N, C-alpha and C. Protein backbone atom coordinates (compact mmCIF):
# COMPACT_ATOMS: atom_id res chain seq x y z
N THR A 1 50.38 211.45 101.12
CA THR A 1 51.52 210.75 101.66
C THR A 1 51.10 209.86 102.81
N THR A 2 51.77 208.76 102.94
CA THR A 2 51.48 207.83 104.02
C THR A 2 52.26 208.23 105.26
N PRO A 3 51.59 208.33 106.39
CA PRO A 3 52.29 208.68 107.64
C PRO A 3 53.30 207.61 108.02
N SER A 4 54.29 208.03 108.79
CA SER A 4 55.35 207.11 109.19
C SER A 4 54.86 206.14 110.26
N GLU A 5 55.68 205.13 110.51
CA GLU A 5 55.34 204.15 111.54
C GLU A 5 55.28 204.81 112.91
N GLU A 6 56.16 205.78 113.14
CA GLU A 6 56.17 206.50 114.42
C GLU A 6 54.86 207.28 114.61
N GLN A 7 54.36 207.89 113.54
CA GLN A 7 53.08 208.61 113.62
C GLN A 7 51.94 207.64 113.90
N LEU A 8 52.01 206.46 113.31
CA LEU A 8 51.00 205.44 113.55
C LEU A 8 51.01 205.02 115.01
N ARG A 9 52.18 204.77 115.55
CA ARG A 9 52.29 204.38 116.96
C ARG A 9 51.74 205.48 117.87
N GLU A 10 52.09 206.73 117.57
CA GLU A 10 51.65 207.85 118.39
C GLU A 10 50.12 207.99 118.35
N ALA A 11 49.56 207.86 117.15
CA ALA A 11 48.10 207.99 117.01
C ALA A 11 47.38 206.89 117.78
N PHE A 12 47.85 205.65 117.66
CA PHE A 12 47.20 204.57 118.38
C PHE A 12 47.43 204.69 119.89
N SER A 13 48.56 205.24 120.26
CA SER A 13 48.83 205.48 121.68
C SER A 13 47.82 206.48 122.24
N GLU A 14 47.53 207.52 121.47
CA GLU A 14 46.54 208.52 121.91
C GLU A 14 45.16 207.88 122.06
N VAL A 15 44.79 207.03 121.13
CA VAL A 15 43.49 206.34 121.22
C VAL A 15 43.48 205.44 122.45
N GLY A 16 44.58 204.74 122.69
CA GLY A 16 44.66 203.87 123.87
C GLY A 16 44.54 204.66 125.16
N GLU A 17 45.17 205.82 125.22
CA GLU A 17 45.06 206.66 126.41
C GLU A 17 43.63 207.15 126.61
N ALA A 18 42.97 207.49 125.51
CA ALA A 18 41.57 207.92 125.61
C ALA A 18 40.70 206.80 126.16
N LEU A 19 40.98 205.57 125.73
CA LEU A 19 40.21 204.43 126.23
C LEU A 19 40.49 204.18 127.71
N GLN A 20 41.73 204.40 128.14
CA GLN A 20 42.06 204.20 129.55
C GLN A 20 41.35 205.22 130.43
N ARG A 21 41.15 206.43 129.93
CA ARG A 21 40.46 207.45 130.71
C ARG A 21 38.94 207.28 130.67
N ALA A 22 38.47 206.47 129.76
CA ALA A 22 37.02 206.32 129.57
C ALA A 22 36.39 205.49 130.68
N VAL A 23 35.12 205.78 130.91
CA VAL A 23 34.31 205.00 131.83
C VAL A 23 33.14 204.47 131.02
N VAL A 24 32.90 203.19 131.09
CA VAL A 24 31.82 202.58 130.32
C VAL A 24 30.68 202.20 131.25
N LEU A 25 29.55 202.82 131.03
CA LEU A 25 28.33 202.50 131.77
C LEU A 25 27.21 202.34 130.76
N SER A 26 26.41 201.32 130.91
CA SER A 26 25.28 201.16 130.00
C SER A 26 24.21 202.18 130.35
N SER A 27 23.43 202.56 129.36
CA SER A 27 22.35 203.52 129.62
C SER A 27 21.34 202.93 130.61
N ASP A 28 21.14 201.62 130.57
CA ASP A 28 20.23 200.98 131.53
C ASP A 28 20.74 201.13 132.96
N ARG A 29 22.05 200.97 133.13
CA ARG A 29 22.63 201.10 134.47
C ARG A 29 22.51 202.54 134.98
N VAL A 30 22.77 203.51 134.11
CA VAL A 30 22.63 204.92 134.50
C VAL A 30 21.19 205.19 134.92
N GLN A 31 20.24 204.71 134.13
CA GLN A 31 18.83 204.92 134.45
C GLN A 31 18.48 204.29 135.79
N SER A 32 18.97 203.07 136.04
CA SER A 32 18.61 202.40 137.29
C SER A 32 19.21 203.09 138.51
N VAL A 33 20.41 203.63 138.39
CA VAL A 33 21.03 204.35 139.51
C VAL A 33 20.23 205.60 139.83
N PHE A 34 19.83 206.34 138.81
CA PHE A 34 19.05 207.55 139.07
C PHE A 34 17.64 207.22 139.56
N GLU A 35 17.08 206.12 139.08
CA GLU A 35 15.77 205.69 139.57
C GLU A 35 15.86 205.37 141.05
N ASP A 36 16.93 204.72 141.45
CA ASP A 36 17.15 204.41 142.86
C ASP A 36 17.27 205.70 143.68
N ALA A 37 17.98 206.69 143.16
CA ALA A 37 18.12 207.97 143.87
C ALA A 37 16.77 208.66 144.03
N VAL A 38 15.92 208.56 143.02
CA VAL A 38 14.58 209.17 143.10
C VAL A 38 13.76 208.45 144.16
N LEU A 39 13.80 207.12 144.16
CA LEU A 39 13.03 206.35 145.14
C LEU A 39 13.48 206.63 146.57
N ARG A 40 14.75 206.92 146.76
CA ARG A 40 15.26 207.24 148.09
C ARG A 40 15.00 208.70 148.48
N GLY A 41 14.49 209.48 147.55
CA GLY A 41 14.22 210.88 147.84
C GLY A 41 15.44 211.77 147.73
N ARG A 42 16.50 211.30 147.11
CA ARG A 42 17.74 212.08 146.99
C ARG A 42 17.66 213.14 145.90
N MET A 43 16.79 212.94 144.91
CA MET A 43 16.62 213.92 143.83
C MET A 43 15.24 213.75 143.22
N THR A 44 14.82 214.77 142.49
CA THR A 44 13.50 214.71 141.85
C THR A 44 13.60 213.87 140.59
N ARG A 45 12.48 213.34 140.18
CA ARG A 45 12.44 212.53 138.96
C ARG A 45 12.89 213.35 137.76
N ARG A 46 12.44 214.59 137.69
CA ARG A 46 12.79 215.45 136.56
C ARG A 46 14.31 215.66 136.50
N ASP A 47 14.92 215.97 137.65
CA ASP A 47 16.37 216.16 137.69
C ASP A 47 17.09 214.87 137.30
N ALA A 48 16.59 213.75 137.77
CA ALA A 48 17.21 212.46 137.46
C ALA A 48 17.14 212.18 135.97
N GLU A 49 15.98 212.43 135.36
CA GLU A 49 15.83 212.17 133.93
C GLU A 49 16.74 213.08 133.11
N GLU A 50 16.82 214.36 133.51
CA GLU A 50 17.69 215.29 132.79
C GLU A 50 19.16 214.89 132.91
N LEU A 51 19.57 214.56 134.11
CA LEU A 51 20.96 214.18 134.33
C LEU A 51 21.31 212.88 133.60
N ALA A 52 20.42 211.91 133.67
CA ALA A 52 20.65 210.64 132.98
C ALA A 52 20.73 210.86 131.47
N SER A 53 19.82 211.66 130.94
CA SER A 53 19.83 211.94 129.50
C SER A 53 21.11 212.63 129.08
N SER A 54 21.56 213.60 129.87
CA SER A 54 22.78 214.32 129.50
C SER A 54 24.01 213.41 129.60
N LEU A 55 24.06 212.55 130.61
CA LEU A 55 25.19 211.62 130.74
C LEU A 55 25.24 210.63 129.57
N VAL A 56 24.09 210.09 129.22
CA VAL A 56 24.03 209.13 128.11
C VAL A 56 24.40 209.82 126.80
N ALA A 57 23.90 211.03 126.58
CA ALA A 57 24.22 211.77 125.35
C ALA A 57 25.72 212.08 125.29
N LEU A 58 26.29 212.50 126.41
CA LEU A 58 27.72 212.79 126.45
C LEU A 58 28.53 211.53 126.16
N GLY A 59 28.15 210.41 126.73
CA GLY A 59 28.84 209.15 126.48
C GLY A 59 28.76 208.74 125.02
N ARG A 60 27.61 208.93 124.42
CA ARG A 60 27.46 208.58 123.00
C ARG A 60 28.30 209.49 122.12
N ASP A 61 28.34 210.78 122.47
CA ASP A 61 29.17 211.72 121.71
C ASP A 61 30.65 211.34 121.80
N GLN A 62 31.10 210.99 122.99
CA GLN A 62 32.49 210.60 123.16
C GLN A 62 32.80 209.31 122.41
N ALA A 63 31.89 208.37 122.45
CA ALA A 63 32.09 207.11 121.73
C ALA A 63 32.16 207.36 120.23
N GLN A 64 31.29 208.23 119.73
CA GLN A 64 31.28 208.55 118.30
C GLN A 64 32.59 209.25 117.91
N GLU A 65 33.07 210.14 118.77
CA GLU A 65 34.32 210.84 118.51
C GLU A 65 35.49 209.85 118.45
N LEU A 66 35.51 208.92 119.37
CA LEU A 66 36.58 207.92 119.40
C LEU A 66 36.50 207.01 118.17
N ARG A 67 35.29 206.62 117.79
CA ARG A 67 35.14 205.81 116.57
C ARG A 67 35.65 206.57 115.36
N GLY A 68 35.35 207.87 115.31
CA GLY A 68 35.82 208.70 114.21
C GLY A 68 37.34 208.74 114.14
N GLU A 69 37.99 208.86 115.30
CA GLU A 69 39.45 208.88 115.34
C GLU A 69 40.03 207.55 114.84
N VAL A 70 39.44 206.46 115.28
CA VAL A 70 39.93 205.14 114.85
C VAL A 70 39.70 204.95 113.35
N ASP A 71 38.53 205.36 112.85
CA ASP A 71 38.26 205.26 111.42
C ASP A 71 39.25 206.10 110.61
N ALA A 72 39.53 207.32 111.10
CA ALA A 72 40.49 208.18 110.40
C ALA A 72 41.87 207.54 110.38
N LEU A 73 42.26 206.93 111.48
CA LEU A 73 43.55 206.23 111.52
C LEU A 73 43.58 205.09 110.50
N ALA A 74 42.51 204.33 110.48
CA ALA A 74 42.46 203.19 109.56
C ALA A 74 42.52 203.65 108.10
N ARG A 75 41.86 204.77 107.79
CA ARG A 75 41.88 205.27 106.41
C ARG A 75 43.24 205.86 106.05
N SER A 76 43.93 206.45 107.01
CA SER A 76 45.20 207.11 106.70
C SER A 76 46.38 206.14 106.62
N PHE A 77 46.21 204.94 107.11
CA PHE A 77 47.30 203.98 107.12
C PHE A 77 46.94 202.67 106.45
N PRO A 78 46.22 202.67 105.32
CA PRO A 78 45.77 201.37 104.79
C PRO A 78 46.91 200.43 104.43
N ALA A 79 47.94 200.93 103.80
CA ALA A 79 49.03 200.04 103.40
C ALA A 79 49.79 199.55 104.63
N LYS A 80 50.03 200.45 105.57
CA LYS A 80 50.77 200.08 106.78
C LYS A 80 49.97 199.07 107.59
N VAL A 81 48.67 199.30 107.70
CA VAL A 81 47.82 198.37 108.45
C VAL A 81 47.79 197.01 107.77
N ALA A 82 47.73 197.01 106.44
CA ALA A 82 47.73 195.74 105.71
C ALA A 82 49.02 194.97 105.97
N ASP A 83 50.15 195.69 106.00
CA ASP A 83 51.42 195.03 106.29
C ASP A 83 51.45 194.46 107.70
N VAL A 84 50.95 195.25 108.66
CA VAL A 84 50.94 194.80 110.05
C VAL A 84 50.04 193.58 110.20
N VAL A 85 48.88 193.60 109.54
CA VAL A 85 47.95 192.47 109.61
C VAL A 85 48.59 191.23 108.98
N ALA A 86 49.27 191.42 107.86
CA ALA A 86 49.93 190.28 107.21
C ALA A 86 51.02 189.71 108.11
N ASP A 87 51.79 190.60 108.74
CA ASP A 87 52.84 190.13 109.66
C ASP A 87 52.23 189.38 110.84
N ALA A 88 51.13 189.91 111.37
CA ALA A 88 50.48 189.26 112.51
C ALA A 88 49.94 187.90 112.11
N ALA A 89 49.34 187.82 110.92
CA ALA A 89 48.80 186.54 110.45
C ALA A 89 49.92 185.52 110.28
N GLU A 90 51.05 185.98 109.77
CA GLU A 90 52.19 185.08 109.60
C GLU A 90 52.74 184.62 110.94
N ALA A 91 52.71 185.53 111.92
CA ALA A 91 53.24 185.19 113.24
C ALA A 91 52.41 184.14 113.95
N VAL A 92 51.12 184.11 113.70
CA VAL A 92 50.26 183.14 114.39
C VAL A 92 50.04 181.87 113.59
N THR A 93 50.60 181.80 112.40
CA THR A 93 50.47 180.59 111.59
C THR A 93 51.27 179.48 112.26
N PRO A 94 50.67 178.30 112.40
CA PRO A 94 51.39 177.19 113.04
C PRO A 94 52.71 176.89 112.34
N ARG A 95 53.72 176.56 113.13
CA ARG A 95 55.03 176.25 112.57
C ARG A 95 54.97 175.08 111.59
N ALA A 96 54.06 174.19 111.81
CA ALA A 96 53.97 173.01 110.95
C ALA A 96 53.71 173.42 109.50
N ARG A 97 53.06 174.55 109.29
CA ARG A 97 52.79 174.98 107.93
C ARG A 97 54.06 175.43 107.22
N SER A 98 55.06 175.84 107.97
CA SER A 98 56.30 176.30 107.34
C SER A 98 57.17 175.12 106.90
N LYS A 99 56.90 173.94 107.41
CA LYS A 99 57.64 172.75 106.99
C LYS A 99 57.30 172.44 105.54
N LYS A 100 58.20 171.73 104.90
CA LYS A 100 57.93 171.32 103.53
C LYS A 100 56.70 170.42 103.53
N ARG A 101 55.79 170.74 102.64
CA ARG A 101 54.54 169.97 102.60
C ARG A 101 54.78 168.63 101.92
N ARG A 102 54.10 167.65 102.45
CA ARG A 102 54.17 166.33 101.87
C ARG A 102 52.94 166.12 100.99
N GLU A 103 53.06 165.17 100.10
CA GLU A 103 51.90 164.84 99.29
C GLU A 103 50.86 164.17 100.18
N VAL A 104 49.61 164.38 99.83
CA VAL A 104 48.54 163.76 100.60
C VAL A 104 48.52 162.28 100.25
N PRO A 105 48.78 161.43 101.24
CA PRO A 105 48.78 159.99 100.96
C PRO A 105 47.35 159.48 100.81
N ASP A 106 47.28 158.27 100.32
CA ASP A 106 45.98 157.62 100.24
C ASP A 106 45.46 157.43 101.65
N ALA A 107 44.27 157.97 101.93
CA ALA A 107 43.71 157.92 103.28
C ALA A 107 43.53 156.49 103.76
N GLY A 108 43.27 155.58 102.86
CA GLY A 108 43.06 154.20 103.25
C GLY A 108 44.35 153.50 103.65
N ALA A 109 45.51 154.03 103.24
CA ALA A 109 46.78 153.38 103.52
C ALA A 109 47.35 153.75 104.89
N LEU A 110 46.83 154.81 105.51
CA LEU A 110 47.34 155.26 106.81
C LEU A 110 46.32 155.06 107.91
N PRO A 111 46.79 154.78 109.11
CA PRO A 111 45.87 154.72 110.24
C PRO A 111 45.38 156.14 110.57
N ALA A 112 44.24 156.22 111.21
CA ALA A 112 43.65 157.51 111.53
C ALA A 112 44.60 158.38 112.35
N LYS A 113 45.36 157.77 113.27
CA LYS A 113 46.29 158.52 114.11
C LYS A 113 47.31 159.27 113.25
N ASP A 114 47.84 158.63 112.23
CA ASP A 114 48.82 159.27 111.35
C ASP A 114 48.19 160.38 110.52
N LEU A 115 46.96 160.15 110.08
CA LEU A 115 46.27 161.19 109.32
C LEU A 115 46.03 162.44 110.17
N ILE A 116 45.66 162.24 111.41
CA ILE A 116 45.41 163.38 112.30
C ILE A 116 46.70 164.18 112.49
N GLY A 117 47.84 163.51 112.63
CA GLY A 117 49.11 164.21 112.76
C GLY A 117 49.51 164.97 111.52
N LEU A 118 49.02 164.55 110.39
CA LEU A 118 49.33 165.18 109.11
C LEU A 118 48.49 166.44 108.86
N LEU A 119 47.34 166.54 109.48
CA LEU A 119 46.40 167.63 109.19
C LEU A 119 46.99 169.04 109.29
N PRO A 120 47.77 169.39 110.31
CA PRO A 120 48.27 170.77 110.41
C PRO A 120 49.18 171.19 109.26
N THR A 121 49.75 170.24 108.53
CA THR A 121 50.67 170.58 107.44
C THR A 121 49.96 170.72 106.10
N LEU A 122 48.68 170.45 106.05
CA LEU A 122 47.95 170.46 104.79
C LEU A 122 47.30 171.80 104.50
N ARG A 123 47.29 172.16 103.22
CA ARG A 123 46.60 173.36 102.76
C ARG A 123 45.11 173.05 102.64
N PRO A 124 44.27 174.10 102.54
CA PRO A 124 42.82 173.86 102.44
C PRO A 124 42.43 172.92 101.30
N ALA A 125 43.06 173.06 100.15
CA ALA A 125 42.72 172.19 99.02
C ALA A 125 43.08 170.74 99.33
N GLU A 126 44.20 170.55 100.01
CA GLU A 126 44.62 169.19 100.38
C GLU A 126 43.69 168.60 101.44
N LEU A 127 43.25 169.45 102.36
CA LEU A 127 42.29 168.98 103.36
C LEU A 127 40.98 168.56 102.71
N LYS A 128 40.58 169.32 101.70
CA LYS A 128 39.34 169.00 100.99
C LYS A 128 39.47 167.66 100.27
N ALA A 129 40.62 167.44 99.64
CA ALA A 129 40.85 166.16 98.95
C ALA A 129 40.85 165.00 99.94
N LEU A 130 41.48 165.21 101.10
CA LEU A 130 41.51 164.18 102.12
C LEU A 130 40.11 163.88 102.64
N ARG A 131 39.32 164.92 102.83
CA ARG A 131 37.93 164.72 103.27
C ARG A 131 37.16 163.89 102.24
N ALA A 132 37.37 164.19 100.96
CA ALA A 132 36.69 163.43 99.91
C ALA A 132 37.10 161.96 99.96
N GLN A 133 38.39 161.70 100.17
CA GLN A 133 38.86 160.32 100.28
C GLN A 133 38.22 159.62 101.47
N GLU A 134 38.19 160.29 102.60
CA GLU A 134 37.62 159.71 103.82
C GLU A 134 36.13 159.43 103.64
N THR A 135 35.43 160.36 103.02
CA THR A 135 33.99 160.19 102.82
C THR A 135 33.72 159.02 101.87
N ALA A 136 34.53 158.92 100.82
CA ALA A 136 34.34 157.85 99.84
C ALA A 136 34.74 156.50 100.42
N GLY A 137 35.71 156.46 101.34
CA GLY A 137 36.22 155.21 101.88
C GLY A 137 35.19 154.43 102.68
N LYS A 138 34.53 155.01 103.62
CA LYS A 138 33.49 154.41 104.44
C LYS A 138 33.92 153.17 105.22
N ALA A 139 35.23 152.84 105.19
CA ALA A 139 35.68 151.65 105.90
C ALA A 139 35.87 151.92 107.39
N ARG A 140 35.98 153.18 107.76
CA ARG A 140 36.15 153.55 109.16
C ARG A 140 35.43 154.87 109.40
N ALA A 141 35.32 155.20 110.67
CA ALA A 141 34.74 156.51 111.00
C ALA A 141 35.69 157.57 110.47
N THR A 142 35.15 158.61 109.89
CA THR A 142 35.98 159.63 109.24
C THR A 142 36.84 160.40 110.23
N VAL A 143 38.00 160.81 109.78
CA VAL A 143 38.92 161.62 110.57
C VAL A 143 38.44 163.06 110.56
N LEU A 144 37.88 163.47 109.47
CA LEU A 144 37.47 164.86 109.31
C LEU A 144 35.99 164.95 109.53
């Protein structure tokens, strides 16, 4: 069974909270801090190496656990995620694409300024045809 939208929100909320509690330090930075402590005489090299190794290992374990949770979420909600992604893609699509599309005019009949204004309303196939017209025309610098 597919989990509900509320379960999806709750699961992602838990992942978000885990990320907010997380501290991200690179292993190089951890090593350099402990190296500095050794040089200052604050701790022995052996203690520094052990502590750095355990911190890095713990961080990697936590990162792997979090990746596992996110992967499990993605696998348990494939249809819901696909719907959300489709909605998001539709939301960011330029409004010009929702207008009724016009036929691609002859590139030679329009000034470059008008062609540039027409570009956001064209589909990929129409853009390709327009590029072919512009390339074949050679009478002006190409718009595309």
